[in-house]
Structure formats: structure tokens, C-alpha cells
Protein backbone atom coordinates (compact mmCIF):
# COMPACT_ATOMS: atom_id res chain seq x y z
CA VAL A 1 -0.15 0.04 -0.08
CA GLU A 2 1.12 3.34 -0.90
CA HIS A 3 0.05 6.73 0.66
CA LEU A 4 -0.57 9.32 -2.10
CA PRO A 5 -1.03 12.82 -0.32
CA ILE A 6 -4.36 14.43 -1.18
CA LEU A 7 -5.29 11.51 -3.49
CA GLY A 8 -5.58 8.20 -0.85
CA TYR A 9 -4.09 5.07 -0.70
CA HIS A 10 -2.98 3.07 -3.72
CA PHE A 11 -2.56 -0.89 -4.00
CA MET A 12 -2.67 -3.70 -6.31
CA TYR A 13 -5.12 -6.71 -6.55
CA HIS A 14 -4.72 -9.32 -9.10
CA GLY A 15 -2.98 -6.83 -11.36
CA HIS A 16 -5.70 -4.15 -11.01
CA HIS A 17 -4.56 -0.51 -9.45
CA LEU A 18 -7.02 0.42 -6.80
CA MET A 19 -7.47 3.35 -4.60
CA TYR A 20 -9.06 3.76 -1.53
CA ILE A 21 -9.91 7.59 -1.10
CA PRO A 22 -10.70 8.56 2.46
CA ASP A 23 -13.84 10.51 3.19
CA LYS A 24 -13.87 13.72 4.91
CA GLY A 25 -17.04 12.90 6.46
CA GLU A 26 -17.86 9.65 8.51
CA GLY A 27 -18.94 6.32 7.28
CA LEU A 28 -18.30 6.65 3.68
CA LEU A 29 -16.12 3.86 2.21
CA ARG A 30 -14.70 5.00 -1.48
CA PHE A 31 -12.78 2.70 -3.48
CA CYS A 32 -11.80 3.03 -7.39
CA VAL A 33 -9.94 1.41 -10.04
CA PRO A 34 -8.53 4.43 -11.80
CA HIS A 35 -7.70 4.50 -15.42
CA LEU A 36 -8.59 0.89 -16.31
CA LEU A 37 -8.24 1.94 -20.00
CA LYS A 38 -8.28 4.77 -22.53
CA ALA A 39 -11.63 5.31 -24.20
CA LYS A 40 -10.12 6.36 -27.12
CA GLY A 41 -8.74 2.89 -27.98
CA TYR A 42 -12.42 1.63 -28.49
CA ASP A 43 -15.28 2.33 -30.75
CA LYS A 44 -17.38 4.67 -28.99
CA SER A 45 -20.91 3.02 -29.24
CA LYS A 46 -19.38 -0.37 -28.11
CA LEU A 47 -17.80 1.07 -25.35
CA VAL A 48 -20.99 2.87 -24.16
CA LYS A 49 -22.85 -0.50 -24.60
CA VAL A 50 -20.31 -2.21 -22.50
CA ILE A 51 -20.10 0.23 -19.76
CA ASN A 52 -24.15 0.50 -19.65
CA GLU A 53 -23.86 -3.37 -19.26
CA THR A 54 -21.52 -3.30 -16.49
CA ASN A 55 -23.34 -0.69 -14.76
CA ARG A 56 -26.39 -2.91 -15.01
CA GLU A 57 -24.97 -6.31 -14.32
CA VAL A 58 -22.37 -5.67 -11.52
CA LYS A 59 -24.25 -4.24 -8.42
CA TYR A 60 -22.76 -1.18 -6.58
CA VAL A 61 -19.83 -0.53 -9.21
CA LYS A 62 -20.12 2.90 -11.39
CA VAL A 63 -18.30 2.94 -14.47
CA ILE A 64 -17.66 6.28 -15.74
CA VAL A 65 -15.52 7.91 -18.63
CA LEU A 66 -13.20 10.76 -17.09
CA ASP A 67 -12.88 14.04 -18.88
CA ASN A 68 -9.34 12.96 -19.88
CA GLY A 69 -10.70 9.91 -21.67
CA SER A 70 -9.68 7.51 -18.92
CA VAL A 71 -12.40 4.67 -17.85
CA SER A 72 -12.59 4.08 -14.16
CA LEU A 73 -14.84 2.23 -11.85
CA ASN A 74 -16.04 3.45 -8.34
CA TYR A 75 -17.62 1.77 -5.45
CA ASP A 76 -18.95 4.02 -2.76
CA HIS A 77 -20.34 2.41 0.36
CA LYS A 78 -22.34 4.10 3.24
CA MET A 79 -21.34 2.18 6.48
CA THR A 80 -24.35 1.05 8.59
CA GLU A 81 -23.65 0.61 12.30
CA GLN A 82 -23.88 -3.20 11.98
CA GLU A 83 -21.27 -3.39 9.35
CA LYS A 84 -17.76 -4.28 10.31
CA VAL A 85 -14.87 -2.49 8.06
CA HIS A 86 -12.78 -5.40 8.02
CA GLU A 87 -15.65 -7.53 6.66
CA ILE A 88 -17.00 -5.18 3.76
CA VAL A 89 -13.60 -3.99 2.44
CA PRO A 90 -12.80 -7.34 1.06
CA HIS A 91 -16.13 -7.64 -0.60
CA ILE A 92 -15.63 -4.13 -2.33
CA VAL A 93 -12.22 -5.10 -3.31
CA ARG A 94 -13.26 -8.41 -5.01
CA THR A 95 -16.17 -6.75 -6.56
CA LEU A 96 -14.09 -3.94 -8.03
CA ASP A 97 -11.99 -6.80 -9.44
CA PHE A 98 -14.42 -8.64 -10.97
CA ALA A 99 -16.02 -5.63 -12.66
CA SER A 100 -12.80 -4.90 -14.21
CA ASP A 101 -12.40 -8.10 -15.66
CA TYR A 102 -16.02 -8.16 -16.77
CA LEU A 103 -15.75 -4.80 -18.39
CA THR A 104 -12.59 -5.72 -20.34
CA ASP A 105 -13.55 -9.45 -21.26
CA LYS A 106 -16.72 -7.60 -22.67
CA LEU A 107 -14.97 -5.33 -24.61
CA LYS A 108 -13.12 -8.21 -26.26
CA THR A 109 -16.18 -9.89 -27.73
CA VAL A 110 -18.15 -7.16 -28.65
């Protein structure tokens, strides 16, 4: 894990770059896969189709295209009093890992 001032914490999981972005408030866990791929390397209509499918099929993950053309995945989770961070974080990381593979695999078959 590498701490990047202002941004958060960077780490690798199954070959994917992930970031934990601390929330200034209490109770929100924010993780992302930044810059998974560049949008300009893909046909726009196919990319939009795959992004929309990923957003529908992989619960809690939001795929977005940033202003710089980078495709990133986000997972925001509002903690409840009953939840424990050490239980939910592995789920978030595995879900982002799955969504990353889902998106890239779908792009290969469209």
C-alpha cells in the first residue's frame, strides 16, 4: 500500500490498480479502479454499450469515462452501525476486481 497525499491509498489486487479515497465525513468507504483503460482505443458505441451493461450487471459499481478519456470504476459504500470495515472492504475489492475483468472481457467480445 502506498499513501499518496491528497489522493488516498494506492494498492494492487490481481494486477489491477486500486485506490482507497478517504472520505472527509464519517462512514463512507470510497474505492476505485482508476484509469482501467483509455476510451479512445475503442469504438465509442461499443464502449458505451459495455459500460452500460457493466453498470447494470455488476451491483454497486459505477463505471465512468473521465474528462481525460480514462475509464474508471467506482464503488462508494455508506457504512451502517452493524457493518464492520474488515468485513466489507474485501467484498468491495473483490467486486471491483470482478467488474474490471467483466468490462475488459466484454470489450473483447463486442
